[in-house]
């Protein structure tokens, strides 16, 4: 799959598809798969046979819950179509998929126009600097007015939105050229906009091609597929291996799957990955429910890997950096109500396993009350989570009333020191704790000489800092926006064990927080007054 018949390198491009719920995203995905020849007949959400809605819950509810991929070989490209959830309760899963997208398709309902969640998606696409193609769907409905919709896209999203349906229009090149000052000057001189110019402007997020049609009636979808294939290109990959993890899941046999995108170089079976140097046992290329195993994956490929037990969403492997912290997160905390026969200590590891797959759950054990808490986005996610827990573990849980999730941070720099030294045990940890930028989350660093503390112990302290959600001392809320740096520590050559540093690290964090000036953070929403036409 690395060369075309003309012996040209194949371009691997990951294209995410996003939408406000009920805009017709799944129907468009089916149409694109059909037009590419990947499926013989497009499925329907109503018929519960959509190619990418593979989970029984998705088919029963008629919504996309989990991000999934389909591989579309088309022309000289291999397009990985990454489907995401349009429901706001599963927007965290959607945001994680943004970490690996090269381009995005934003589906907008022609009957409804730009909606609230559409604007949220647009802001996220801007934050992650992802080029966007827009498909205005349901143009067969009476309320859909092309000119009014085009004006709305320019006004509410970006003035660079350009109608690409009829590129032979007389004024079309000028409309594209006006999106870039340098190109406009050249256009005024020679009156021409090249294909490469258009590709560059799209990649630089200066032009956002807009297409109109009806995915259900296959109107405009073939032209749309051809256009996105024609205008996309893959950035030049490096030689050294790099990859980014965007999802953790488990297959029907319980195997842990690390979904990642190879961003540079190549990944091969039996390669050692992550700081834990775990071996890649299998590389799977998924398309819908099915997958094929390959011996190696080249740059641009999305794949699922077995054999890795400690990877996490957002982690950069090889030369790749970690992803930015997600913007979207729950603001309500729920207590997990267990049946009488289930002990909380037995339930906690099960929920921690689910937290690997859904990090926004933030599973928290409250020692003082002996209860488990999770963070959730809304009622639909609660229903889905209950079903997943029952199907996987045969435990029928309930959730209490949602409580507002507060957070705490600090306003000054302090040093926290933690000791753990019972008989035949010893560990000492010194941490510098500084206020971070709002929205920066927790950052963990090391600035300690190896002459003072061995590198392995420093790495272990960082692991213990990252492995749990630390609680503030004012209201018992999680802490955030703090930069914690390991500056010193001590170990005993004979009596120190790994668990000693866990206790010393936790004590150092708490001792530092006790000295700091605490700030209570309250969640808030921004509202926009919008009169529906």
Protein backbone atom coordinates (compact mmCIF):
# COMPACT_ATOMS: atom_id res chain seq x y z
CA UNK A 1 0.00 0.00 0.00
CA UNK A 2 3.08 2.25 -0.11
CA UNK A 3 3.12 2.87 -3.91
CA UNK A 4 0.53 3.54 -6.59
CA UNK A 5 0.47 1.75 -9.94
CA UNK A 6 2.44 4.68 -11.39
CA UNK A 7 5.05 4.02 -8.67
CA UNK A 8 4.33 7.32 -6.93
CA UNK A 9 4.31 7.46 -3.12
CA UNK A 10 0.83 7.13 -1.68
CA UNK A 11 -0.37 10.07 0.41
CA UNK A 12 -1.90 9.04 3.73
CA UNK A 13 -4.35 11.64 5.02
CA UNK A 14 -6.55 11.49 8.10
CA UNK A 15 -9.85 13.32 7.64
CA UNK A 16 -12.17 13.74 10.61
CA UNK A 17 -15.89 14.26 10.13
CA UNK A 18 -17.70 16.43 12.68
CA UNK A 19 -21.17 17.91 13.08
CA UNK A 20 -23.87 19.14 15.41
CA UNK A 21 -26.12 16.18 16.22
CA UNK A 22 -28.69 15.34 13.48
CA UNK A 23 -26.87 17.27 10.75
CA UNK A 24 -26.50 14.03 8.75
CA UNK A 25 -22.87 13.24 9.50
CA UNK A 26 -23.30 9.45 9.50
CA UNK A 27 -25.34 9.59 6.30
CA UNK A 28 -22.58 11.60 4.61
CA UNK A 29 -19.97 9.09 5.81
CA UNK A 30 -22.01 6.27 4.27
CA UNK A 31 -22.32 8.20 1.01
CA UNK A 32 -18.58 8.83 0.81
CA UNK A 33 -17.82 5.17 1.47
CA UNK A 34 -20.29 4.18 -1.24
CA UNK A 35 -18.97 6.69 -3.78
CA UNK A 36 -15.42 5.44 -3.16
CA UNK A 37 -16.47 1.83 -3.79
CA UNK A 38 -15.71 0.72 -0.22
CA UNK A 39 -19.28 -0.47 0.38
CA UNK A 40 -21.82 -1.78 -2.13
CA UNK A 41 -24.81 -0.12 -0.49
CA UNK A 42 -24.94 2.84 1.90
CA UNK A 43 -26.32 2.00 5.33
CA UNK A 44 -28.92 4.02 7.23
CA UNK A 45 -29.04 5.16 10.83
CA UNK A 46 -32.76 4.33 10.92
CA UNK A 47 -32.08 0.82 9.65
CA UNK A 48 -29.28 0.30 12.23
CA UNK A 49 -26.83 -0.84 9.54
CA UNK A 50 -24.44 2.12 9.18
CA UNK A 51 -20.89 0.93 8.39
CA UNK A 52 -19.25 3.03 11.13
CA UNK A 53 -21.89 2.75 13.86
CA UNK A 54 -20.59 -0.67 14.89
CA UNK A 55 -21.57 -0.68 18.55
CA UNK A 56 -24.97 -2.08 19.61
CA UNK A 57 -25.60 1.03 21.73
CA UNK A 58 -24.98 3.30 18.74
CA UNK A 59 -27.36 1.36 16.54
CA UNK A 60 -30.04 1.24 19.20
CA UNK A 61 -29.92 4.98 19.92
CA UNK A 62 -29.19 6.10 16.37
CA UNK A 63 -26.20 8.24 17.38
CA UNK A 64 -22.43 7.96 17.07
CA UNK A 65 -20.80 7.50 20.49
CA UNK A 66 -17.28 6.20 19.83
CA UNK A 67 -14.80 7.52 17.26
CA UNK A 68 -14.13 4.97 14.51
CA UNK A 69 -12.32 4.87 11.23
CA UNK A 70 -12.77 3.68 7.66
CA UNK A 71 -9.96 3.41 5.13
CA UNK A 72 -10.77 4.84 1.68
CA UNK A 73 -8.19 4.33 -1.10
CA UNK A 74 -9.07 7.02 -3.64
CA UNK A 75 -6.95 8.21 -6.58
CA UNK A 76 -3.36 8.55 -5.27
CA UNK A 77 -4.40 8.87 -1.65
CA UNK A 78 -5.32 6.61 1.23
CA UNK A 79 -7.90 8.59 3.18
CA UNK A 80 -8.63 7.49 6.72
CA UNK A 81 -12.11 8.80 7.50
CA UNK A 82 -12.36 9.30 11.26
CA UNK A 83 -15.98 9.47 12.39
CA UNK A 84 -16.75 11.31 15.65
CA UNK A 85 -19.75 11.80 17.88
CA UNK A 86 -22.03 14.78 17.26
CA UNK A 87 -23.77 14.49 20.63
CA UNK A 88 -22.51 17.02 23.18
CA UNK A 89 -22.31 14.35 25.92
CA UNK A 90 -19.53 12.62 23.96
CA UNK A 91 -17.70 15.75 22.81
CA UNK A 92 -14.60 14.82 24.85
CA UNK A 93 -14.19 11.70 22.68
CA UNK A 94 -14.58 13.92 19.62
CA UNK A 95 -11.92 16.36 20.86
CA UNK A 96 -9.39 13.56 21.35
CA UNK A 97 -9.83 12.62 17.70
CA UNK A 98 -8.79 16.18 16.73
CA UNK A 99 -5.28 15.36 17.95
CA UNK A 100 -4.62 13.21 14.86
CA UNK A 101 -6.61 14.90 12.08
CA UNK A 102 -4.88 16.37 9.04
CA UNK A 103 -8.13 17.85 7.70
CA UNK A 104 -11.72 18.00 8.91
CA UNK A 105 -15.14 17.83 7.26
CA UNK A 106 -17.69 19.96 9.10
CA UNK A 107 -21.24 18.92 8.25
CA UNK A 108 -23.94 21.58 8.59
CA UNK A 109 -27.68 21.05 8.24
CA UNK A 110 -29.07 23.17 5.41
CA UNK A 111 -32.40 23.28 7.26
CA UNK A 112 -30.87 24.56 10.53
CA UNK A 113 -27.72 26.42 9.51
CA UNK A 114 -24.98 27.22 12.02
CA UNK A 115 -26.04 25.92 15.46
CA UNK A 116 -24.58 26.30 18.94
CA UNK A 117 -22.44 23.16 18.90
CA UNK A 118 -21.32 24.02 15.34
CA UNK A 119 -19.64 27.15 16.71
CA UNK A 120 -18.01 25.10 19.49
CA UNK A 121 -16.61 22.71 16.87
CA UNK A 122 -15.36 25.64 14.80
CA UNK A 123 -13.48 27.11 17.77
CA UNK A 124 -11.89 23.73 18.49
CA UNK A 125 -10.81 23.31 14.87
CA UNK A 126 -9.21 26.74 15.05
CA UNK A 127 -7.47 25.90 18.34
CA UNK A 128 -5.95 22.73 16.83
CA UNK A 129 -5.19 24.52 13.54
CA UNK A 130 -7.02 21.97 11.38
CA UNK A 131 -7.97 22.88 7.77
CA UNK A 132 -11.70 22.46 7.15
CA UNK A 133 -13.99 21.48 4.27
CA UNK A 134 -17.66 22.26 4.83
CA UNK A 135 -20.54 20.16 3.50
CA UNK A 136 -23.96 21.78 3.85
CA UNK A 137 -26.31 18.83 3.96
CA UNK A 138 -30.09 18.40 3.54
CA UNK A 139 -30.29 20.94 0.72
CA UNK A 140 -33.33 19.02 -0.56
CA UNK A 141 -35.40 20.39 2.32
CA UNK A 142 -37.68 23.41 1.73
CA UNK A 143 -36.01 25.57 4.44
CA UNK A 144 -32.57 25.29 2.80
CA UNK A 145 -31.61 28.51 1.01
CA UNK A 146 -28.14 28.39 -0.56
CA UNK A 147 -27.40 32.13 -0.70
CA UNK A 148 -28.61 32.79 2.83
CA UNK A 149 -26.62 29.82 4.16
CA UNK A 150 -23.47 30.97 2.40
CA UNK A 151 -23.85 34.43 3.93
CA UNK A 152 -24.37 32.83 7.36
CA UNK A 153 -21.18 30.76 7.04
CA UNK A 154 -19.16 33.84 6.18
CA UNK A 155 -20.67 35.88 9.00
CA UNK A 156 -20.72 33.33 11.83
CA UNK A 157 -17.71 31.14 11.00
CA UNK A 158 -15.15 32.83 8.75
CA UNK A 159 -15.07 35.21 5.80
CA UNK A 160 -12.75 32.68 4.11
CA UNK A 161 -15.71 30.33 3.50
CA UNK A 162 -15.95 30.06 -0.31
CA UNK A 163 -18.55 28.20 -2.38
CA UNK A 164 -16.59 25.52 -4.28
CA UNK A 165 -19.57 23.87 -5.94
CA UNK A 166 -19.02 25.59 -9.28
CA UNK A 167 -15.30 26.48 -9.57
CA UNK A 168 -15.81 27.43 -13.21
CA UNK A 169 -17.72 30.54 -12.12
CA UNK A 170 -16.30 33.73 -13.52
CA UNK A 171 -15.65 35.39 -10.18
CA UNK A 172 -14.63 32.23 -8.30
CA UNK A 173 -10.86 32.67 -8.62
CA UNK A 174 -11.14 36.24 -7.41
CA UNK A 175 -13.17 35.12 -4.38
CA UNK A 176 -10.38 32.67 -3.51
CA UNK A 177 -7.57 35.16 -4.18
CA UNK A 178 -9.08 37.82 -1.92
CA UNK A 179 -8.50 35.50 1.06
CA UNK A 180 -4.73 36.08 0.88
CA UNK A 181 -3.03 39.45 0.30
CA UNK A 182 0.03 38.07 -1.54
CA UNK A 183 -2.08 35.89 -3.83
CA UNK A 184 -4.43 38.80 -4.50
CA UNK A 185 -1.55 40.96 -5.69
CA UNK A 186 -0.37 38.23 -8.04
CA UNK A 187 -3.91 37.59 -9.26
CA UNK A 188 -4.35 41.26 -10.15
CA UNK A 189 -1.16 41.03 -12.21
CA UNK A 190 -1.70 37.80 -14.14
CA UNK A 191 -5.36 36.92 -13.43
CA UNK A 192 -4.67 33.31 -12.42
CA UNK A 193 -5.02 31.17 -9.28
CA UNK A 194 -3.25 27.81 -9.52
CA UNK A 195 -4.32 24.48 -8.05
CA UNK A 196 -1.33 24.59 -5.70
CA UNK A 197 -2.36 28.07 -4.52
CA UNK A 198 -5.75 26.70 -3.50
CA UNK A 199 -4.23 23.68 -1.72
CA UNK A 200 -1.88 25.97 0.20
CA UNK A 201 -4.62 28.39 1.26
CA UNK A 202 -6.78 25.51 2.48
CA UNK A 203 -3.86 24.01 4.43
CA UNK A 204 -3.11 27.43 5.97
CA UNK A 205 -6.79 27.84 7.02
CA UNK A 206 -7.24 30.92 4.87
CA UNK A 207 -9.83 29.31 2.60
CA UNK A 208 -12.62 26.98 3.74
CA UNK A 209 -14.22 25.25 0.72
CA UNK A 210 -18.00 24.93 1.01
CA UNK A 211 -20.08 22.32 -0.80
CA UNK A 212 -23.85 21.85 -0.90
CA UNK A 213 -25.91 18.71 -1.39
CA UNK A 214 -27.98 15.94 0.12
CA UNK A 215 -26.12 12.93 1.50
CA UNK A 216 -29.32 10.90 1.74
CA UNK A 217 -30.10 11.41 -1.95
CA UNK A 218 -26.44 11.14 -3.02
CA UNK A 219 -26.57 14.68 -4.37
CA UNK A 220 -23.17 16.38 -4.49
CA UNK A 221 -21.37 13.67 -2.53
CA UNK A 222 -19.32 12.27 -5.41
CA UNK A 223 -18.12 15.74 -6.37
CA UNK A 224 -17.33 16.41 -2.71
CA UNK A 225 -15.22 13.26 -2.36
CA UNK A 226 -13.30 14.08 -5.52
CA UNK A 227 -12.70 17.67 -4.36
CA UNK A 228 -11.39 16.83 -0.90
CA UNK A 229 -9.09 14.21 -2.40
CA UNK A 230 -7.88 16.70 -5.00
CA UNK A 231 -7.18 19.58 -2.61
CA UNK A 232 -5.52 17.71 0.28
CA UNK A 233 -1.87 16.88 0.63
CA UNK A 234 0.33 15.25 3.24
CA UNK A 235 3.03 17.27 4.97
CA UNK A 236 6.53 15.96 4.43
CA UNK A 237 7.16 13.27 7.10
CA UNK A 238 10.45 12.97 8.94
CA UNK A 239 12.66 9.90 9.02
CA UNK A 240 12.64 9.33 12.79
CA UNK A 241 9.66 7.53 14.32
CA UNK A 242 6.95 9.59 15.96
CA UNK A 243 3.34 8.82 16.87
CA UNK A 244 0.49 10.25 18.91
CA UNK A 245 -2.00 8.20 20.93
CA UNK A 246 -5.60 9.38 20.68
CA UNK A 247 -7.65 6.52 22.08
CA UNK A 248 -7.49 3.47 24.33
CA UNK A 249 -10.04 0.67 23.84
CA UNK A 250 -10.49 -3.05 24.26
CA UNK A 251 -11.57 -5.58 21.67
CA UNK A 252 -14.17 -8.31 22.17
CA UNK A 253 -11.49 -10.63 23.63
CA UNK A 254 -10.43 -8.01 26.17
CA UNK A 255 -7.12 -7.11 24.45
CA UNK A 256 -6.01 -3.56 25.23
CA UNK A 257 -5.76 -1.49 22.04
CA UNK A 258 -3.71 1.68 21.71
CA UNK A 259 -5.05 3.73 18.80
CA UNK A 260 -2.40 6.02 17.39
CA UNK A 261 -1.36 7.96 14.33
CA UNK A 262 2.16 7.50 12.98
CA UNK A 263 3.26 11.11 12.45
CA UNK A 264 6.81 10.42 11.30
CA UNK A 265 8.97 7.50 10.19
CA UNK A 266 7.58 3.97 10.42
CA UNK A 267 6.21 1.70 13.12
CA UNK A 268 7.06 -2.01 12.95
CA UNK A 269 5.87 -5.08 14.84
CA UNK A 270 8.22 -5.87 17.76
CA UNK A 271 9.35 -2.22 18.04
CA UNK A 272 9.86 -1.05 21.63
CA UNK A 273 7.67 1.94 22.52
CA UNK A 274 7.24 4.44 25.37
CA UNK A 275 9.57 4.97 28.30
CA UNK A 276 8.47 1.55 29.57
CA UNK A 277 9.93 -0.05 26.44
CA UNK A 278 6.96 -2.29 25.81
CA UNK A 279 6.93 -4.35 22.64
CA UNK A 280 4.39 -3.90 19.83
CA UNK A 281 2.79 -7.31 19.37
CA UNK A 282 0.36 -6.50 16.58
CA UNK A 283 -0.51 -3.59 14.28
CA UNK A 284 -4.12 -3.49 13.17
CA UNK A 285 -5.63 -1.27 10.46
CA UNK A 286 -9.32 -0.96 11.28
CA UNK A 287 -12.04 -0.14 8.78
CA UNK A 288 -15.44 -0.31 10.44
CA UNK A 289 -15.72 -3.50 12.51
CA UNK A 290 -13.04 -5.39 10.59
CA UNK A 291 -9.30 -5.02 10.60
CA UNK A 292 -6.22 -6.35 8.85
CA UNK A 293 -2.89 -6.93 10.53
CA UNK A 294 0.24 -5.45 8.99
CA UNK A 295 3.92 -5.76 9.78
CA UNK A 296 4.56 -2.03 9.60
CA UNK A 297 2.68 1.27 9.39
CA UNK A 298 4.09 4.24 7.54
CA UNK A 299 3.75 7.94 8.29
CA UNK A 300 0.16 9.22 8.20
CA UNK A 301 -1.36 5.83 9.09
CA UNK A 302 -3.95 5.42 11.83
CA UNK A 303 -3.68 2.04 13.51
CA UNK A 304 -4.42 0.12 16.68
CA UNK A 305 -1.53 -1.53 18.50
CA UNK A 306 -1.55 -4.40 21.00
CA UNK A 307 1.11 -5.07 23.63
CA UNK A 308 1.20 -1.64 25.30
CA UNK A 309 -0.21 -1.48 28.83
CA UNK A 310 0.71 2.01 30.02
CA UNK A 311 -0.06 4.32 27.09
CA UNK A 312 -2.62 7.11 27.51
CA UNK A 313 -4.63 9.36 25.18
CA UNK A 314 -2.65 12.41 24.10
CA UNK A 315 0.73 10.79 24.71
CA UNK A 316 3.47 11.43 22.19
CA UNK A 317 5.70 8.49 21.29
CA UNK A 318 9.17 8.65 19.75
CA UNK A 319 9.91 12.18 18.60
CA UNK A 320 6.24 13.29 18.83
CA UNK A 321 5.22 15.67 21.62
CA UNK A 322 2.21 15.21 23.89
CA UNK A 323 -1.08 16.71 22.74
CA UNK A 324 -2.55 19.85 24.28
CA UNK A 325 -4.87 19.37 27.23
CA UNK A 326 -8.52 19.03 26.13
CA UNK A 327 -10.77 22.09 26.32
CA UNK A 328 -14.03 20.20 26.85
CA UNK A 329 -14.55 18.49 30.17
CA UNK A 330 -17.47 17.66 32.49
CA UNK A 331 -18.55 20.16 35.13
CA UNK A 332 -20.74 17.75 37.14
CA UNK A 333 -19.54 15.08 39.60
CA UNK A 334 -21.66 12.03 40.43
CA UNK A 335 -21.35 9.49 43.22
CA UNK A 336 -21.40 5.88 42.01
CA UNK A 337 -24.18 3.95 43.77
CA UNK A 338 -23.31 0.24 43.92
CA UNK A 339 -25.58 -2.77 44.49
CA UNK A 340 -25.32 -4.36 47.95
CA UNK A 341 -23.32 -7.34 46.73
CA UNK A 342 -20.60 -5.17 45.16
CA UNK A 343 -17.81 -3.76 47.30
CA UNK A 344 -16.36 -0.34 46.34
CA UNK A 345 -12.80 -1.69 46.57
CA UNK A 346 -13.67 -4.33 43.92
CA UNK A 347 -15.46 -1.80 41.72
CA UNK A 348 -12.67 0.79 41.71
CA UNK A 349 -10.22 -1.15 39.44
CA UNK A 350 -13.04 -1.75 36.94
CA UNK A 351 -13.83 1.95 36.75
CA UNK A 352 -10.12 2.76 36.51
CA UNK A 353 -9.97 0.49 33.47
CA UNK A 354 -12.83 2.48 31.91
CA UNK A 355 -11.01 5.70 32.81
CA UNK A 356 -8.13 4.60 30.56
CA UNK A 357 -10.61 4.65 27.69
CA UNK A 358 -12.54 7.74 28.85
CA UNK A 359 -10.03 9.96 30.72
CA UNK A 360 -12.63 12.67 31.35
CA UNK A 361 -14.38 10.33 33.84
CA UNK A 362 -11.74 11.31 36.45
CA UNK A 363 -12.58 8.34 38.69
CA UNK A 364 -11.95 9.42 42.28
CA UNK A 365 -11.87 7.33 45.47
CA UNK A 366 -13.02 9.29 48.51
CA UNK A 367 -11.24 7.66 51.45
CA UNK A 368 -13.14 9.64 54.07
CA UNK A 369 -16.53 8.39 52.85
CA UNK A 370 -15.52 5.13 51.17
CA UNK A 371 -17.27 6.18 47.96
CA UNK A 372 -16.35 6.46 44.27
CA UNK A 373 -17.03 9.60 42.22
CA UNK A 374 -16.93 10.16 38.47
CA UNK A 375 -17.37 13.20 36.23
CA UNK A 376 -19.95 13.02 33.45
CA UNK A 377 -21.26 15.30 30.71
CA UNK A 378 -24.99 14.53 30.88
CA UNK A 379 -27.90 12.12 31.02
CA UNK A 380 -27.15 10.32 27.75
CA UNK A 381 -23.57 9.59 28.84
CA UNK A 382 -24.90 8.30 32.18
CA UNK A 383 -27.20 5.87 30.39
CA UNK A 384 -24.42 4.68 28.08
CA UNK A 385 -21.91 4.29 30.93
CA UNK A 386 -24.39 2.22 32.96
CA UNK A 387 -24.88 -0.05 29.96
CA UNK A 388 -21.13 -0.44 29.35
CA UNK A 389 -20.48 -1.31 33.02
CA UNK A 390 -23.26 -3.88 33.02
CA UNK A 391 -22.23 -5.46 29.70
CA UNK A 392 -18.56 -5.67 30.64
CA UNK A 393 -18.65 -6.39 34.38
CA UNK A 394 -22.25 -7.49 35.03
CA UNK A 395 -22.67 -4.84 37.72
CA UNK A 396 -25.83 -2.70 37.77
CA UNK A 397 -24.69 0.71 39.02
CA UNK A 398 -26.64 3.93 39.50
CA UNK A 399 -25.47 7.50 39.83
CA UNK A 400 -26.50 10.07 42.44
CA UNK A 401 -27.47 13.67 41.80
CA UNK A 402 -24.84 15.63 39.89
CA UNK A 403 -22.85 18.17 41.90
CA UNK A 404 -20.98 21.16 40.48
CA UNK A 405 -17.29 20.38 40.02
CA UNK A 406 -15.11 23.07 41.58
CA UNK A 407 -11.34 23.19 41.25
CA UNK A 408 -8.53 24.76 43.23
CA UNK A 409 -5.25 26.37 42.26
CA UNK A 410 -2.55 28.38 44.02
CA UNK A 411 -1.59 32.05 43.81
CA UNK A 412 2.03 31.88 44.98
CA UNK A 413 5.15 29.72 44.65
CA UNK A 414 5.88 27.30 47.49
CA UNK A 415 8.09 24.30 48.21
CA UNK A 416 6.53 21.07 49.39
CA UNK A 417 8.64 18.48 51.24
CA UNK A 418 7.49 14.95 51.88
CA UNK A 419 9.15 12.22 53.97
CA UNK A 420 8.29 8.56 54.27
CA UNK A 421 10.47 6.72 56.76
CA UNK A 422 8.90 3.90 58.75
CA UNK A 423 11.19 1.05 59.83
CA UNK A 424 13.40 -0.15 56.93
CA UNK A 425 11.84 2.34 54.48
CA UNK A 426 13.04 5.76 53.38
CA UNK A 427 12.18 8.34 50.73
CA UNK A 428 12.30 12.14 50.62
CA UNK A 429 10.82 14.39 47.92
CA UNK A 430 11.17 18.17 47.41
CA UNK A 431 8.76 19.82 44.98
CA UNK A 432 8.53 23.41 43.75
CA UNK A 433 4.89 24.34 43.14
CA UNK A 434 4.10 27.40 41.02
CA UNK A 435 0.88 28.93 39.64
CA UNK A 436 0.38 28.05 35.97
CA UNK A 437 -1.45 29.92 33.24
CA UNK A 438 -5.28 29.65 33.40
CA UNK A 439 -6.32 26.58 31.44
CA UNK A 440 -2.81 25.06 31.43
CA UNK A 441 -3.81 22.17 33.70
CA UNK A 442 -1.23 20.25 35.71
CA UNK A 443 2.38 20.27 34.50
CA UNK A 444 5.05 17.99 35.96
CA UNK A 445 8.77 18.62 35.41
CA UNK A 446 12.14 17.63 36.85
CA UNK A 447 14.98 20.06 37.58
CA UNK A 448 17.21 18.00 39.81
CA UNK A 449 20.82 16.91 39.44
CA UNK A 450 21.39 13.17 39.08
CA UNK A 451 24.20 13.61 41.63
CA UNK A 452 21.49 14.37 44.20
CA UNK A 453 18.81 11.88 43.07
CA UNK A 454 19.14 9.09 40.52
CA UNK A 455 17.25 9.58 37.26
CA UNK A 456 15.15 6.45 37.85
CA UNK A 457 13.87 7.83 41.16
CA UNK A 458 13.09 11.18 39.52
CA UNK A 459 11.13 9.41 36.80
CA UNK A 460 9.27 7.43 39.45
CA UNK A 461 8.28 10.64 41.30
CA UNK A 462 6.93 12.12 38.05
CA UNK A 463 4.95 8.92 37.47
CA UNK A 464 3.38 9.20 40.93
CA UNK A 465 2.54 12.86 40.29
CA UNK A 466 0.79 11.97 37.04
CA UNK A 467 -1.00 8.82 38.18
CA UNK A 468 -3.72 10.42 40.26
CA UNK A 469 -5.88 13.50 40.62
CA UNK A 470 -4.53 15.55 43.51
CA UNK A 471 -6.99 17.15 45.91
CA UNK A 472 -6.83 20.71 47.25
CA UNK A 473 -6.88 21.64 50.93
CA UNK A 474 -9.61 24.33 50.85
CA UNK A 475 -12.71 22.43 49.69
CA UNK A 476 -11.28 19.03 48.75
CA UNK A 477 -11.65 19.86 45.03
CA UNK A 478 -9.14 18.73 42.37
CA UNK A 479 -6.21 21.07 41.79
CA UNK A 480 -5.36 22.50 38.36
CA UNK A 481 -3.19 25.11 36.62
CA UNK A 482 -0.14 24.32 38.77
CA UNK A 483 3.39 23.59 37.60
CA UNK A 484 5.12 21.08 39.90
CA UNK A 485 8.87 20.58 39.54
CA UNK A 486 10.98 17.90 41.23
CA UNK A 487 13.93 19.89 42.65
CA UNK A 488 15.47 17.46 45.12
CA UNK A 489 15.02 14.18 46.96
CA UNK A 490 16.79 11.39 48.77
CA UNK A 491 16.81 7.61 48.68
CA UNK A 492 18.52 5.04 50.89
CA UNK A 493 20.82 2.60 49.13
CA UNK A 494 19.45 -0.29 51.16
CA UNK A 495 15.97 0.52 52.44
CA UNK A 496 14.23 2.50 49.66
CA UNK A 497 11.54 0.80 47.60
CA UNK A 498 9.36 2.18 44.81
CA UNK A 499 6.27 2.50 46.98
CA UNK A 500 8.19 4.70 49.43
CA UNK A 501 8.45 7.45 46.83
CA UNK A 502 4.71 7.26 46.18
CA UNK A 503 3.97 8.13 49.79
CA UNK A 504 6.68 10.81 49.95
CA UNK A 505 5.42 12.40 46.73
CA UNK A 506 1.80 12.58 47.92
CA UNK A 507 2.93 14.07 51.22
CA UNK A 508 5.10 16.67 49.47
CA UNK A 509 2.15 17.80 47.32
CA UNK A 510 -0.12 18.15 50.34
CA UNK A 511 2.50 19.92 52.45
CA UNK A 512 3.06 22.42 49.65
CA UNK A 513 -0.66 23.05 49.25
CA UNK A 514 -1.00 23.65 53.00
CA UNK A 515 1.53 26.49 52.72
CA UNK A 516 0.14 28.03 49.53
CA UNK A 517 -2.49 30.71 49.03
CA UNK A 518 -5.43 28.75 47.58
CA UNK A 519 -7.79 30.05 44.91
CA UNK A 520 -11.20 28.41 44.36
CA UNK A 521 -12.20 28.04 40.69
CA UNK A 522 -15.84 27.82 39.66
CA UNK A 523 -16.99 26.50 36.24
CA UNK A 524 -18.90 28.84 33.95
CA UNK A 525 -20.48 28.76 30.52
CA UNK A 526 -20.42 31.47 27.88
CA UNK A 527 -23.81 32.16 26.34
CA UNK A 528 -24.65 33.77 23.02
CA UNK A 529 -28.02 35.35 22.31
CA UNK A 530 -29.26 33.78 19.11
CA UNK A 531 -32.60 34.33 17.44
CA UNK A 532 -33.49 31.37 15.24
CA UNK A 533 -34.69 32.43 11.86
